[in-house]
Protein backbone atom coordinates (compact mmCIF):
# COMPACT_ATOMS: atom_id res chain seq x y z
CA MET A 1 0.00 0.00 0.00
CA ILE A 2 1.25 3.48 -0.84
CA ASP A 3 1.46 5.83 2.12
CA ILE A 4 0.70 9.36 0.99
CA LYS A 5 0.80 12.11 3.54
CA GLU A 6 -2.00 14.59 3.01
CA ASP A 7 0.21 17.60 3.75
CA ASN A 8 2.81 16.51 1.18
CA LEU A 9 0.08 15.98 -1.41
CA LYS A 10 -1.39 19.43 -0.73
CA GLN A 11 2.06 21.04 -0.94
CA GLY A 12 2.74 19.30 -4.23
CA VAL A 13 -0.58 20.23 -5.80
CA LEU A 14 -0.35 23.82 -4.59
CA GLY A 15 3.23 24.01 -5.83
CA LEU A 16 2.15 22.79 -9.26
CA VAL A 17 -0.78 25.21 -9.43
CA MET A 18 1.35 28.18 -8.40
CA ALA A 19 4.08 27.18 -10.87
CA ILE A 20 1.46 27.24 -13.63
CA VAL A 21 0.25 30.64 -12.42
CA GLU A 22 3.86 31.89 -12.53
CA ILE A 23 4.30 30.58 -16.07
CA ILE A 24 1.13 32.37 -17.15
CA ARG A 25 2.38 35.54 -15.43
CA ASP A 26 5.69 35.24 -17.29
CA ALA A 27 3.81 34.89 -20.59
CA LEU A 28 1.73 37.97 -19.72
CA LYS A 29 4.90 39.93 -19.01
CA THR A 30 6.43 38.86 -22.30
CA GLN A 31 3.31 39.85 -24.20
CA ALA A 32 3.16 43.18 -22.34
CA LEU A 33 6.77 43.94 -23.30
CA ARG A 34 6.04 43.14 -26.93
CA ARG A 35 3.08 45.50 -26.95
CA ILE A 36 5.12 48.23 -25.25
CA GLU A 37 7.98 47.82 -27.72
CA ALA A 38 5.53 47.90 -30.62
CA GLN A 39 4.13 51.13 -29.15
CA SER A 40 0.60 49.77 -29.35
CA LEU A 41 -0.28 51.01 -25.83
CA THR A 42 -0.88 54.49 -24.56
CA GLY A 43 1.18 55.84 -21.68
CA GLU A 44 -1.78 55.35 -19.36
CA GLU A 45 -2.21 51.73 -20.50
CA VAL A 46 1.48 51.06 -19.90
CA GLU A 47 1.16 52.45 -16.37
CA ARG A 48 -1.95 50.38 -15.61
CA LEU A 49 -0.34 47.26 -17.05
CA GLY A 50 2.81 47.80 -15.00
CA ARG A 51 0.81 48.26 -11.79
CA ALA A 52 -1.30 45.19 -12.53
CA LEU A 53 1.77 43.02 -13.13
CA MET A 54 3.43 44.31 -9.95
CA ASP A 55 0.23 43.57 -7.99
CA LEU A 56 0.16 40.08 -9.50
CA ASP A 57 3.79 39.48 -8.49
CA ALA A 58 3.05 40.62 -4.94
CA ALA A 59 -0.04 38.41 -4.71
CA ILE A 60 1.84 35.35 -6.00
CA ASN A 61 4.70 35.88 -3.55
CA GLU A 62 2.29 36.43 -0.67
CA ILE A 63 0.39 33.22 -1.43
CA LYS A 64 3.61 31.21 -1.71
CA GLN A 65 4.87 32.54 1.62
CA GLU A 66 1.55 32.11 3.44
CA MET A 67 1.16 28.55 2.18
CA GLY A 68 4.82 27.67 2.72
CA ILE A 69 5.21 26.45 -0.86
CA THR A 70 8.03 28.63 -2.16
CA GLU A 71 10.41 25.66 -2.41
CA ALA A 72 7.76 23.39 -3.93
CA VAL A 73 7.00 25.96 -6.63
CA GLN A 74 10.70 26.40 -7.41
CA SER A 75 11.13 22.64 -7.60
CA VAL A 76 8.30 22.36 -10.14
CA ARG A 77 9.68 25.28 -12.13
CA ASP A 78 13.16 23.72 -12.15
CA GLY A 79 11.74 20.41 -13.34
CA LEU A 80 9.78 22.11 -16.11
CA ASP A 81 12.81 24.17 -17.11
CA ASN A 82 14.90 21.00 -17.41
CA LEU A 83 12.17 19.34 -19.46
CA VAL A 84 11.97 22.29 -21.84
CA ASP A 85 15.77 22.47 -22.10
CA ASP A 86 15.90 18.76 -23.01
CA LEU A 87 13.17 19.21 -25.61
CA LEU A 88 14.89 22.22 -27.16
CA GLN A 89 18.18 20.35 -27.25
CA LYS A 90 16.51 17.49 -29.09
CA LEU A 91 14.83 19.85 -31.53
CA THR A 92 18.04 21.72 -32.28
CA GLY A 93 20.21 18.61 -32.34
CA PRO A 94 18.16 15.98 -34.22
CA HIS A 95 21.13 13.66 -34.65
CA GLU A 96 21.42 13.24 -30.89
CA TRP A 97 17.68 12.49 -30.76
CA GLU A 98 18.04 9.85 -33.46
CA ASP A 99 20.91 8.25 -31.53
CA GLU A 100 18.81 8.18 -28.36
CA LEU A 101 15.87 6.60 -30.18
CA ARG A 102 18.15 3.96 -31.71
CA SER A 103 19.58 3.21 -28.28
CA VAL A 104 16.11 2.80 -26.76
CA ALA A 105 14.98 0.63 -29.67
CA ASP A 106 18.10 -1.54 -29.36
CA GLY A 107 17.45 -1.95 -25.65
CA LYS A 108 13.86 -3.03 -26.24
CA ALA A 109 14.94 -5.45 -28.96
CA GLU A 110 17.44 -6.97 -26.55
CA MET A 111 14.75 -7.33 -23.88
CA VAL A 112 12.49 -9.15 -26.38
CA LYS A 113 15.32 -11.55 -27.29
CA GLU A 114 15.83 -12.36 -23.61
CA CYS A 115 12.16 -13.25 -23.18
């Protein structure tokens, strides 16, 4: 039987949710910068957008601190960053990806022979 502690489960789920919220916030910031650079916003809109993003940052940090999930969120973000880095490496270096696939296929073929 698997022993799952409720507190650990809550921390993990909250960490995942907040990591997703942070990723969405980062995307919003990127989009805001693009719009600012393209000069598609008025000065007033830029000010409101800046305040809104700062308020969002403060709210996210407050929630993480209150819930004690700062480390859990960072752990999820680190894991996702590593996953994305691996994917980008495979997309930019297809020969390495082909070698890895061949290696996995060879390993499976060897397992079948042993059966």
